[in-house]
C-alpha atoms as a PDB file:
ATOM      1  CA  MET A   1       0.000   0.000   0.000  1.00  0.00           C
ATOM      2  CA  PRO A   2       1.330   3.480  -0.847  1.00  0.00           C
ATOM      3  CA  ASP A   3       1.806   5.944   1.974  1.00  0.00           C
ATOM      4  CA  PRO A   4      -1.306   8.072   2.565  1.00  0.00           C
ATOM      5  CA  LEU A   5      -1.261  11.565   1.123  1.00  0.00           C
ATOM      6  CA  VAL A   6      -0.576  14.295   3.662  1.00  0.00           C
ATOM      7  CA  PRO A   7      -2.746  17.422   3.730  1.00  0.00           C
ATOM      8  CA  ARG A   8      -1.301  20.906   4.011  1.00  0.00           C
ATOM      9  CA  HIS A   9      -2.884  23.663   6.079  1.00  0.00           C
ATOM     10  CA  ARG A  10      -4.587  26.276   3.916  1.00  0.00           C
ATOM     11  CA  ARG A  11      -5.880  29.769   4.538  1.00  0.00           C
ATOM     12  CA  PHE A  12      -9.067  30.702   2.716  1.00  0.00           C
ATOM     13  CA  LEU A  13     -11.008  33.920   2.193  1.00  0.00           C
ATOM     14  CA  VAL A  14     -14.775  33.652   1.719  1.00  0.00           C
ATOM     15  CA  CYS A  15     -17.791  35.958   1.480  1.00  0.00           C
ATOM     16  CA  GLU A  16     -21.184  35.171   2.974  1.00  0.00           C
ATOM     17  CA  PRO A  17     -23.935  34.967   0.297  1.00  0.00           C
ATOM     18  CA  ARG A  18     -26.225  37.342   2.152  1.00  0.00           C
ATOM     19  CA  PHE A  19     -27.051  39.195  -1.065  1.00  0.00           C
ATOM     20  CA  TYR A  20     -26.627  36.289  -3.477  1.00  0.00           C
ATOM     21  CA  ASP A  21     -29.025  36.260  -6.433  1.00  0.00           C
ATOM     22  CA  VAL A  22     -29.135  35.679 -10.190  1.00  0.00           C
ATOM     23  CA  ARG A  23     -30.061  39.068 -11.599  1.00  0.00           C
ATOM     24  CA  TYR A  24     -28.285  38.919 -14.957  1.00  0.00           C
ATOM     25  CA  ALA A  25     -26.853  36.300 -17.322  1.00  0.00           C
ATOM     26  CA  ILE A  26     -23.106  36.402 -18.013  1.00  0.00           C
ATOM     27  CA  ASN A  27     -22.606  32.653 -18.505  1.00  0.00           C
ATOM     28  CA  PRO A  28     -24.813  29.811 -19.842  1.00  0.00           C
ATOM     29  CA  TRP A  29     -25.702  28.593 -16.358  1.00  0.00           C
ATOM     30  CA  MET A  30     -27.435  31.808 -15.302  1.00  0.00           C
ATOM     31  CA  ARG A  31     -31.228  32.106 -15.655  1.00  0.00           C
ATOM     32  CA  PRO A  32     -32.470  35.332 -14.053  1.00  0.00           C
ATOM     33  CA  ALA A  33     -36.058  34.072 -14.183  1.00  0.00           C
ATOM     34  CA  ALA A  34     -35.208  31.067 -11.984  1.00  0.00           C
ATOM     35  CA  PRO A  35     -35.781  31.719  -8.268  1.00  0.00           C
ATOM     36  CA  VAL A  36     -32.860  31.612  -5.845  1.00  0.00           C
ATOM     37  CA  ASP A  37     -33.336  30.298  -2.311  1.00  0.00           C
ATOM     38  CA  VAL A  38     -31.034  32.571  -0.311  1.00  0.00           C
ATOM     39  CA  GLY A  39     -31.715  30.654   2.895  1.00  0.00           C
ATOM     40  CA  LEU A  40     -30.605  27.405   1.277  1.00  0.00           C
ATOM     41  CA  ALA A  41     -27.586  29.139  -0.235  1.00  0.00           C
ATOM     42  CA  LEU A  42     -26.545  30.351   3.220  1.00  0.00           C
ATOM     43  CA  THR A  43     -26.959  26.865   4.676  1.00  0.00           C
ATOM     44  CA  GLN A  44     -24.887  25.281   1.899  1.00  0.00           C
ATOM     45  CA  TRP A  45     -22.193  27.938   2.147  1.00  0.00           C
ATOM     46  CA  ARG A  46     -21.919  27.492   5.919  1.00  0.00           C
ATOM     47  CA  ALA A  47     -21.518  23.751   5.383  1.00  0.00           C
ATOM     48  CA  LEU A  48     -18.535  24.501   3.107  1.00  0.00           C
ATOM     49  CA  VAL A  49     -16.958  26.758   5.743  1.00  0.00           C
ATOM     50  CA  ASP A  50     -17.596  24.149   8.426  1.00  0.00           C
ATOM     51  CA  ALA A  51     -15.947  21.484   6.256  1.00  0.00           C
ATOM     52  CA  TYR A  52     -12.827  23.622   5.889  1.00  0.00           C
ATOM     53  CA  LEU A  53     -12.670  24.290   9.614  1.00  0.00           C
ATOM     54  CA  ALA A  54     -13.270  20.635  10.470  1.00  0.00           C
ATOM     55  CA  HIS A  55     -10.227  19.711   8.377  1.00  0.00           C
ATOM     56  CA  GLY A  56      -7.983  22.198  10.156  1.00  0.00           C
ATOM     57  CA  HIS A  57      -7.962  25.091   7.700  1.00  0.00           C
ATOM     58  CA  THR A  58      -8.174  28.801   8.471  1.00  0.00           C
ATOM     59  CA  VAL A  59     -11.118  30.765   7.098  1.00  0.00           C
ATOM     60  CA  ASP A  60     -11.224  34.565   6.854  1.00  0.00           C
ATOM     61  CA  ARG A  61     -14.288  36.512   5.769  1.00  0.00           C
ATOM     62  CA  VAL A  62     -14.820  39.640   3.733  1.00  0.00           C
ATOM     63  CA  ALA A  63     -18.090  41.484   4.362  1.00  0.00           C
ATOM     64  CA  PRO A  64     -20.685  41.180   1.579  1.00  0.00           C
ATOM     65  CA  VAL A  65     -21.897  44.372  -0.097  1.00  0.00           C
ATOM     66  CA  PRO A  66     -25.543  45.009  -1.047  1.00  0.00           C
ATOM     67  CA  GLY A  67     -26.086  45.081  -4.792  1.00  0.00           C
ATOM     68  CA  LEU A  68     -23.188  42.714  -5.545  1.00  0.00           C
ATOM     69  CA  PRO A  69     -24.920  39.316  -5.833  1.00  0.00           C
ATOM     70  CA  ASP A  70     -21.835  37.505  -7.188  1.00  0.00           C
ATOM     71  CA  MET A  71     -19.473  38.706  -4.466  1.00  0.00           C
ATOM     72  CA  VAL A  72     -19.829  35.278  -2.835  1.00  0.00           C
ATOM     73  CA  PHE A  73     -17.578  33.945  -5.599  1.00  0.00           C
ATOM     74  CA  ALA A  74     -14.412  35.013  -3.817  1.00  0.00           C
ATOM     75  CA  ALA A  75     -12.038  33.130  -6.116  1.00  0.00           C
ATOM     76  CA  ASN A  76     -12.616  35.630  -8.905  1.00  0.00           C
ATOM     77  CA  ALA A  77     -11.456  38.588  -6.832  1.00  0.00           C
ATOM     78  CA  ALA A  78      -7.692  38.004  -6.819  1.00  0.00           C
ATOM     79  CA  LEU A  79      -4.728  35.691  -7.085  1.00  0.00           C
ATOM     80  CA  VAL A  80      -2.495  35.516  -4.017  1.00  0.00           C
ATOM     81  CA  VAL A  81       0.992  34.002  -4.348  1.00  0.00           C
ATOM     82  CA  ASP A  82       3.835  34.380  -1.841  1.00  0.00           C
ATOM     83  CA  GLY A  83       1.900  37.039   0.027  1.00  0.00           C
ATOM     84  CA  ARG A  84       1.433  39.278  -3.029  1.00  0.00           C
ATOM     85  CA  VAL A  85      -2.013  40.038  -4.384  1.00  0.00           C
ATOM     86  CA  LEU A  86      -3.004  40.541  -8.000  1.00  0.00           C
ATOM     87  CA  GLY A  87      -6.502  41.985  -7.916  1.00  0.00           C
ATOM     88  CA  SER A  88      -9.269  41.701 -10.478  1.00  0.00           C
ATOM     89  CA  ARG A  89     -10.623  43.662 -13.399  1.00  0.00           C
ATOM     90  CA  PHE A  90     -13.833  41.892 -14.302  1.00  0.00           C
ATOM     91  CA  HIS A  91     -14.991  41.317 -17.863  1.00  0.00           C
ATOM     92  CA  ALA A  92     -18.678  41.922 -17.075  1.00  0.00           C
ATOM     93  CA  PRO A  93     -19.608  45.486 -16.033  1.00  0.00           C
ATOM     94  CA  GLU A  94     -22.022  44.045 -13.442  1.00  0.00           C
ATOM     95  CA  ARG A  95     -19.142  42.519 -11.488  1.00  0.00           C
ATOM     96  CA  ARG A  96     -16.536  45.278 -11.699  1.00  0.00           C
ATOM     97  CA  PRO A  97     -17.555  46.911  -8.380  1.00  0.00           C
ATOM     98  CA  GLU A  98     -16.566  43.714  -6.546  1.00  0.00           C
ATOM     99  CA  SER A  99     -12.872  44.498  -6.960  1.00  0.00           C
ATOM    100  CA  ALA A 100     -12.840  47.420  -4.523  1.00  0.00           C
ATOM    101  CA  PRO A 101     -14.062  45.681  -1.326  1.00  0.00           C
ATOM    102  CA  TYR A 102     -11.765  42.718  -1.887  1.00  0.00           C
ATOM    103  CA  GLU A 103      -8.711  44.874  -2.551  1.00  0.00           C
ATOM    104  CA  ALA A 104      -9.569  46.954   0.524  1.00  0.00           C
ATOM    105  CA  TRP A 105      -9.722  43.778   2.628  1.00  0.00           C
ATOM    106  CA  PHE A 106      -6.292  42.663   1.431  1.00  0.00           C
ATOM    107  CA  LYS A 107      -4.743  46.084   2.022  1.00  0.00           C
ATOM    108  CA  ASP A 108      -6.231  46.265   5.519  1.00  0.00           C
ATOM    109  CA  ALA A 109      -4.754  42.808   6.179  1.00  0.00           C
ATOM    110  CA  GLY A 110      -1.299  44.103   5.244  1.00  0.00           C
ATOM    111  CA  PHE A 111      -0.900  42.677   1.750  1.00  0.00           C
ATOM    112  CA  GLU A 112       0.666  44.364  -1.253  1.00  0.00           C
ATOM    113  CA  VAL A 113      -2.056  44.697  -3.910  1.00  0.00           C
ATOM    114  CA  HIS A 114      -1.639  45.305  -7.628  1.00  0.00           C
ATOM    115  CA  HIS A 115      -4.750  46.272  -9.573  1.00  0.00           C
ATOM    116  CA  PRO A 116      -4.412  44.807 -13.082  1.00  0.00           C
ATOM    117  CA  SER A 117      -4.631  46.937 -16.208  1.00  0.00           C
ATOM    118  CA  ALA A 118      -5.854  43.998 -18.318  1.00  0.00           C
ATOM    119  CA  THR A 119      -9.104  42.088 -17.916  1.00  0.00           C
ATOM    120  CA  CYS A 120      -8.369  39.551 -15.200  1.00  0.00           C
ATOM    121  CA  GLU A 121     -10.681  37.407 -13.058  1.00  0.00           C
ATOM    122  CA  GLY A 122      -8.338  36.170 -10.359  1.00  0.00           C
ATOM    123  CA  GLU A 123      -8.287  32.501  -9.453  1.00  0.00           C
ATOM    124  CA  GLY A 124     -11.139  31.963 -11.846  1.00  0.00           C
ATOM    125  CA  ASP A 125      -8.531  31.863 -14.613  1.00  0.00           C
ATOM    126  CA  LEU A 126      -5.180  31.868 -12.785  1.00  0.00           C
ATOM    127  CA  VAL A 127      -4.170  28.605 -11.125  1.00  0.00           C
ATOM    128  CA  PRO A 128      -0.747  28.170  -9.425  1.00  0.00           C
ATOM    129  CA  VAL A 129       0.680  24.658  -9.553  1.00  0.00           C
ATOM    130  CA  GLY A 130       4.278  23.756  -8.854  1.00  0.00           C
ATOM    131  CA  ARG A 131       6.567  26.395 -10.355  1.00  0.00           C
ATOM    132  CA  LEU A 132       3.936  27.503 -12.866  1.00  0.00           C
ATOM    133  CA  ILE A 133       0.784  29.550 -13.052  1.00  0.00           C
ATOM    134  CA  LEU A 134      -1.761  28.053 -15.437  1.00  0.00           C
ATOM    135  CA  ALA A 135      -3.775  30.822 -17.067  1.00  0.00           C
ATOM    136  CA  GLY A 136      -7.092  30.484 -18.858  1.00  0.00           C
ATOM    137  CA  THR A 137      -8.404  32.661 -21.654  1.00  0.00           C
ATOM    138  CA  GLY A 138     -11.160  32.525 -24.238  1.00  0.00           C
ATOM    139  CA  PHE A 139     -14.131  33.910 -22.348  1.00  0.00           C
ATOM    140  CA  ARG A 140     -13.106  36.155 -19.440  1.00  0.00           C
ATOM    141  CA  THR A 141      -9.436  36.803 -18.663  1.00  0.00           C
ATOM    142  CA  SER A 142      -7.385  38.327 -21.493  1.00  0.00           C
ATOM    143  CA  ARG A 143      -3.993  37.139 -22.706  1.00  0.00           C
ATOM    144  CA  GLY A 144      -2.652  40.520 -21.690  1.00  0.00           C
ATOM    145  CA  ALA A 145      -3.438  39.574 -18.095  1.00  0.00           C
ATOM    146  CA  HIS A 146      -1.273  36.480 -18.502  1.00  0.00           C
ATOM    147  CA  ASP A 147       1.708  38.695 -19.319  1.00  0.00           C
ATOM    148  CA  GLU A 148       0.867  40.982 -16.413  1.00  0.00           C
ATOM    149  CA  THR A 149       0.646  37.997 -14.067  1.00  0.00           C
ATOM    150  CA  GLN A 150       4.089  36.761 -15.078  1.00  0.00           C
ATOM    151  CA  GLU A 151       5.631  40.189 -14.626  1.00  0.00           C
ATOM    152  CA  PHE A 152       4.028  40.700 -11.221  1.00  0.00           C
ATOM    153  CA  PHE A 153       4.814  37.303  -9.690  1.00  0.00           C
ATOM    154  CA  GLY A 154       7.947  36.434 -11.669  1.00  0.00           C
ATOM    155  CA  ARG A 155       6.649  32.938 -12.336  1.00  0.00           C
ATOM    156  CA  PRO A 156       6.283  31.219 -15.706  1.00  0.00           C
ATOM    157  CA  VAL A 157       2.709  31.462 -16.981  1.00  0.00           C
ATOM    158  CA  VAL A 158       1.221  28.818 -19.278  1.00  0.00           C
ATOM    159  CA  SER A 159      -1.647  30.155 -21.406  1.00  0.00           C
ATOM    160  CA  LEU A 160      -4.544  27.733 -21.959  1.00  0.00           C
ATOM    161  CA  THR A 161      -7.468  28.381 -24.288  1.00  0.00           C
ATOM    162  CA  LEU A 162     -10.971  27.419 -23.140  1.00  0.00           C
ATOM    163  CA  VAL A 163     -13.403  26.552 -25.951  1.00  0.00           C
ATOM    164  CA  ASP A 164     -16.685  25.540 -24.280  1.00  0.00           C
ATOM    165  CA  PRO A 165     -18.800  28.419 -22.877  1.00  0.00           C
ATOM    166  CA  TYR A 166     -20.145  26.155 -20.133  1.00  0.00           C
ATOM    167  CA  PHE A 167     -16.583  26.095 -18.785  1.00  0.00           C
ATOM    168  CA  TYR A 168     -15.987  29.810 -19.008  1.00  0.00           C
ATOM    169  CA  HIS A 169     -13.312  29.972 -16.304  1.00  0.00           C
ATOM    170  CA  LEU A 170     -10.266  27.742 -15.933  1.00  0.00           C
ATOM    171  CA  ASP A 171     -11.427  26.736 -12.456  1.00  0.00           C
ATOM    172  CA  THR A 172     -14.580  25.166 -13.902  1.00  0.00           C
ATOM    173  CA  ALA A 173     -12.483  22.780 -16.031  1.00  0.00           C
ATOM    174  CA  LEU A 174      -9.362  22.149 -13.911  1.00  0.00           C
ATOM    175  CA  PHE A 175      -8.217  22.115 -10.300  1.00  0.00           C
ATOM    176  CA  VAL A 176      -4.967  21.445  -8.493  1.00  0.00           C
ATOM    177  CA  LEU A 177      -4.688  18.199  -6.563  1.00  0.00           C
ATOM    178  CA  ASP A 178      -1.136  18.762  -5.375  1.00  0.00           C
ATOM    179  CA  ASP A 179       0.516  22.167  -5.662  1.00  0.00           C
ATOM    180  CA  GLY A 180       4.047  20.808  -5.308  1.00  0.00           C
ATOM    181  CA  ARG A 181       4.554  22.001  -1.741  1.00  0.00           C
ATOM    182  CA  GLY A 182       4.956  19.743   1.242  1.00  0.00           C
ATOM    183  CA  PRO A 183       2.878  19.721   4.447  1.00  0.00           C
ATOM    184  CA  ASP A 184       4.998  22.566   5.851  1.00  0.00           C
ATOM    185  CA  GLY A 185       4.384  24.743   2.785  1.00  0.00           C
ATOM    186  CA  THR A 186       7.921  24.376   1.435  1.00  0.00           C
ATOM    187  CA  GLY A 187       9.142  22.637  -1.675  1.00  0.00           C
ATOM    188  CA  SER A 188       8.686  23.361  -5.358  1.00  0.00           C
ATOM    189  CA  GLY A 189       7.665  20.122  -7.029  1.00  0.00           C
ATOM    190  CA  ASP A 190       5.677  19.957 -10.233  1.00  0.00           C
ATOM    191  CA  GLY A 191       2.332  19.230  -8.605  1.00  0.00           C
ATOM    192  CA  ASN A 192      -0.631  17.562 -10.281  1.00  0.00           C
ATOM    193  CA  ILE A 193      -4.122  18.370 -11.509  1.00  0.00           C
ATOM    194  CA  ALA A 194      -7.527  16.973 -12.423  1.00  0.00           C
ATOM    195  CA  TYR A 195      -9.187  18.365 -15.543  1.00  0.00           C
ATOM    196  CA  TYR A 196     -11.780  17.926 -18.283  1.00  0.00           C
ATOM    197  CA  PRO A 197      -9.784  17.705 -21.525  1.00  0.00           C
ATOM    198  CA  GLU A 198     -12.580  18.646 -23.928  1.00  0.00           C
ATOM    199  CA  ALA A 199     -12.929  22.085 -22.314  1.00  0.00           C
ATOM    200  CA  PHE A 200      -9.611  23.077 -23.932  1.00  0.00           C
ATOM    201  CA  SER A 201      -8.340  23.762 -27.423  1.00  0.00           C
ATOM    202  CA  PRO A 202      -6.306  20.926 -29.013  1.00  0.00           C
ATOM    203  CA  GLY A 203      -2.995  22.686 -28.399  1.00  0.00           C
ATOM    204  CA  SER A 204      -3.839  23.486 -24.791  1.00  0.00           C
ATOM    205  CA  ARG A 205      -4.932  19.903 -24.223  1.00  0.00           C
ATOM    206  CA  GLU A 206      -1.625  18.640 -25.589  1.00  0.00           C
ATOM    207  CA  ALA A 207       0.280  21.072 -23.359  1.00  0.00           C
ATOM    208  CA  LEU A 208      -1.552  19.782 -20.291  1.00  0.00           C
ATOM    209  CA  GLU A 209      -0.842  16.195 -21.274  1.00  0.00           C
ATOM    210  CA  ARG A 210       2.858  16.985 -21.512  1.00  0.00           C
ATOM    211  CA  LEU A 211       2.994  18.966 -18.287  1.00  0.00           C
ATOM    212  CA  PHE A 212       0.869  16.589 -16.196  1.00  0.00           C
ATOM    213  CA  PRO A 213       1.116  13.039 -17.553  1.00  0.00           C
ATOM    214  CA  ASP A 214      -0.347  11.659 -14.300  1.00  0.00           C
ATOM    215  CA  ALA A 215      -3.335  14.033 -14.210  1.00  0.00           C
ATOM    216  CA  VAL A 216      -6.762  12.722 -13.275  1.00  0.00           C
ATOM    217  CA  PRO A 217      -9.166  13.104 -16.225  1.00  0.00           C
ATOM    218  CA  ALA A 218     -12.836  13.899 -15.716  1.00  0.00           C
ATOM    219  CA  THR A 219     -15.907  13.146 -17.809  1.00  0.00           C
ATOM    220  CA  ARG A 220     -18.311  15.769 -19.096  1.00  0.00           C
ATOM    221  CA  GLU A 221     -20.875  14.511 -16.588  1.00  0.00           C
ATOM    222  CA  ASP A 222     -18.508  15.225 -13.713  1.00  0.00           C
ATOM    223  CA  ALA A 223     -17.543  18.567 -15.229  1.00  0.00           C
ATOM    224  CA  THR A 224     -21.149  19.731 -15.651  1.00  0.00           C
ATOM    225  CA  ALA A 225     -21.752  18.758 -12.016  1.00  0.00           C
ATOM    226  CA  PHE A 226     -18.950  21.259 -11.235  1.00  0.00           C
ATOM    227  CA  GLY A 227     -16.685  18.462 -10.085  1.00  0.00           C
ATOM    228  CA  LEU A 228     -13.664  20.347 -11.442  1.00  0.00           C
ATOM    229  CA  ASN A 229     -14.578  23.430  -9.409  1.00  0.00           C
ATOM    230  CA  SER A 230     -13.010  21.790  -6.376  1.00  0.00           C
ATOM    231  CA  VAL A 231     -10.460  22.510  -3.657  1.00  0.00           C
ATOM    232  CA  SER A 232      -7.743  20.083  -2.543  1.00  0.00           C
ATOM    233  CA  ASP A 233      -5.472  20.382   0.466  1.00  0.00           C
ATOM    234  CA  GLY A 234      -3.215  17.653  -0.886  1.00  0.00           C
ATOM    235  CA  ARG A 235      -5.281  14.839   0.595  1.00  0.00           C
ATOM    236  CA  HIS A 236      -8.881  15.952   1.113  1.00  0.00           C
ATOM    237  CA  VAL A 237     -10.790  17.101  -1.962  1.00  0.00           C
ATOM    238  CA  PHE A 238     -13.819  19.275  -1.301  1.00  0.00           C
ATOM    239  CA  LEU A 239     -16.069  18.702  -4.287  1.00  0.00           C
ATOM    240  CA  SER A 240     -19.591  18.486  -5.641  1.00  0.00           C
ATOM    241  CA  PRO A 241     -21.468  15.330  -4.596  1.00  0.00           C
ATOM    242  CA  GLY A 242     -22.692  15.086  -8.197  1.00  0.00           C
ATOM    243  CA  ALA A 243     -19.200  14.210  -9.450  1.00  0.00           C
ATOM    244  CA  GLY A 244     -19.371  10.565  -8.436  1.00  0.00           C
ATOM    245  CA  GLU A 245     -17.100   9.053 -11.068  1.00  0.00           C
ATOM    246  CA  LEU A 246     -14.428  11.671 -10.416  1.00  0.00           C
ATOM    247  CA  ALA A 247     -14.669  11.049  -6.677  1.00  0.00           C
ATOM    248  CA  GLY A 248     -14.030   7.371  -7.343  1.00  0.00           C
ATOM    249  CA  ARG A 249     -10.980   8.113  -9.491  1.00  0.00           C
ATOM    250  CA  LEU A 250      -9.610  10.391  -6.798  1.00  0.00           C
ATOM    251  CA  ALA A 251     -10.153   7.770  -4.100  1.00  0.00           C
ATOM    252  CA  ASP A 252      -8.263   5.265  -6.256  1.00  0.00           C
ATOM    253  CA  ARG A 253      -5.301   7.681  -6.175  1.00  0.00           C
ATOM    254  CA  GLY A 254      -5.411   7.929  -2.379  1.00  0.00           C
ATOM    255  CA  TYR A 255      -7.346  11.193  -2.061  1.00  0.00           C
ATOM    256  CA  VAL A 256     -10.270  11.533   0.337  1.00  0.00           C
ATOM    257  CA  PRO A 257     -13.336  13.092  -1.326  1.00  0.00           C
ATOM    258  CA  VAL A 258     -15.302  15.461   0.919  1.00  0.00           C
ATOM    259  CA  PRO A 259     -18.678  16.064  -0.785  1.00  0.00           C
ATOM    260  CA  VAL A 260     -20.153  19.525  -0.237  1.00  0.00           C
ATOM    261  CA  ASP A 261     -23.508  20.322  -1.827  1.00  0.00           C
ATOM    262  CA  LEU A 262     -23.499  23.840  -3.317  1.00  0.00           C
ATOM    263  CA  SER A 263     -26.290  23.183  -5.808  1.00  0.00           C
ATOM    264  CA  GLU A 264     -27.886  26.588  -5.197  1.00  0.00           C
ATOM    265  CA  PHE A 265     -24.742  28.271  -6.513  1.00  0.00           C
ATOM    266  CA  LEU A 266     -24.763  26.227  -9.698  1.00  0.00           C
ATOM    267  CA  LYS A 267     -27.655  28.497 -10.746  1.00  0.00           C
ATOM    268  CA  ALA A 268     -25.008  31.211 -11.185  1.00  0.00           C
ATOM    269  CA  GLY A 269     -22.339  28.880 -12.564  1.00  0.00           C
ATOM    270  CA  GLY A 270     -20.458  28.533  -9.294  1.00  0.00           C
ATOM    271  CA  GLY A 271     -19.257  25.822  -6.945  1.00  0.00           C
ATOM    272  CA  VAL A 272     -16.763  25.007  -4.206  1.00  0.00           C
ATOM    273  CA  LYS A 273     -13.725  26.709  -5.726  1.00  0.00           C
ATOM    274  CA  CYS A 274     -15.686  29.729  -6.951  1.00  0.00           C
ATOM    275  CA  CYS A 275     -16.624  30.397  -3.318  1.00  0.00           C
ATOM    276  CA  THR A 276     -13.034  30.013  -2.105  1.00  0.00           C
ATOM    277  CA  GLN A 277     -10.072  32.380  -2.422  1.00  0.00           C
ATOM    278  CA  GLU A 278      -6.792  30.841  -1.244  1.00  0.00           C
ATOM    279  CA  ILE A 279      -4.356  33.118   0.565  1.00  0.00           C
ATOM    280  CA  ARG A 280      -0.883  31.811  -0.228  1.00  0.00           C
ATOM    281  CA  GLU A 281       1.325  33.685   2.198  1.00  0.00           C
ATOM    282  CA  ALA A 282       5.031  34.393   1.771  1.00  0.00           C
ATOM    283  CA  ARG A 283       7.192  31.357   2.431  1.00  0.00           C
ATOM    284  CA  SER A 284       9.601  31.622   5.336  1.00  0.00           C
END
C-alpha cells in the first residue's frame, strides 16, 4: 500500500452569500427568471466553511456588499501568491464593483495589492501549480493579463485556451490536486491536476498532457456537475457530490473526497472553488 497523502494547512477567504441572487446572465448557467433560495444558499455555504474548519484550515471573511450578488464567488477577486495580491478587473460590467471591497480587505490585512490593467478574473482563470501559473483565456481573462501575471509574480505562466462556454473559467475545467509544496508549505515540485480535456483547445490539451502526464481526467458529466470546481489540500478534496465518477478516481489515487452540496450556486455557474479564495502567504 502506498503511503497516505498528507494534507497541508490552507488559509481561505470567503464571502457570505447574504445578497446572493441571479439578476443577470453572463454565462450559460445563469437564468435570471429562476428563483434563488437565499436561505438554502446560506446553509450550503456554511456547510462549506464548516468542512474547511473541520479539516484544520483557516477561514477569513470579507463582508458582503448590497447590490453585488456575485461577491460570494471570492475566487474571482484576486490571485495571491507568496503574500502578493493581483486583484481583479472583471470582464462583465455588473461585477466590476466587486474588486474594490476585496482589494480593501487585502490592504487592511497588510498585503501588497496590484490592480491589473488587463481584464483579469483572479483565481477563476489563474491557477498556481508547482513552479507555474496556469492561465485560462477565451471567455473572461485576457492574454494581456497572462503577461501581467508573469511580470508581477515572476513565475512562468502557461496560457490555456478554453473553448466551451459552459466552462468559461479555468477553475470550472481544472483544479490542483497537489501544488508541489509539502505539508509545511515548502518545496517546489511539479504538482498535479484533475481536468476535463474537452474544455480546452487541441494545443492546450496537448500542453496539459505533456505537463501533467499523471493528471486525473474527468468526464463531461462530472464537469457539468462542477466536479472540477473543487479545492484540494493535498489529501482531502472538497467537491460536488454530483461528481461521483471523479470522486471514485480520486479515491483510487489515495485522495479523500469530501462532498459539499453547493447546488444553489450552480444556478449562477459557481461551486466550491468559486466560493473560495486561497491566501498563499510568503514562504519563510
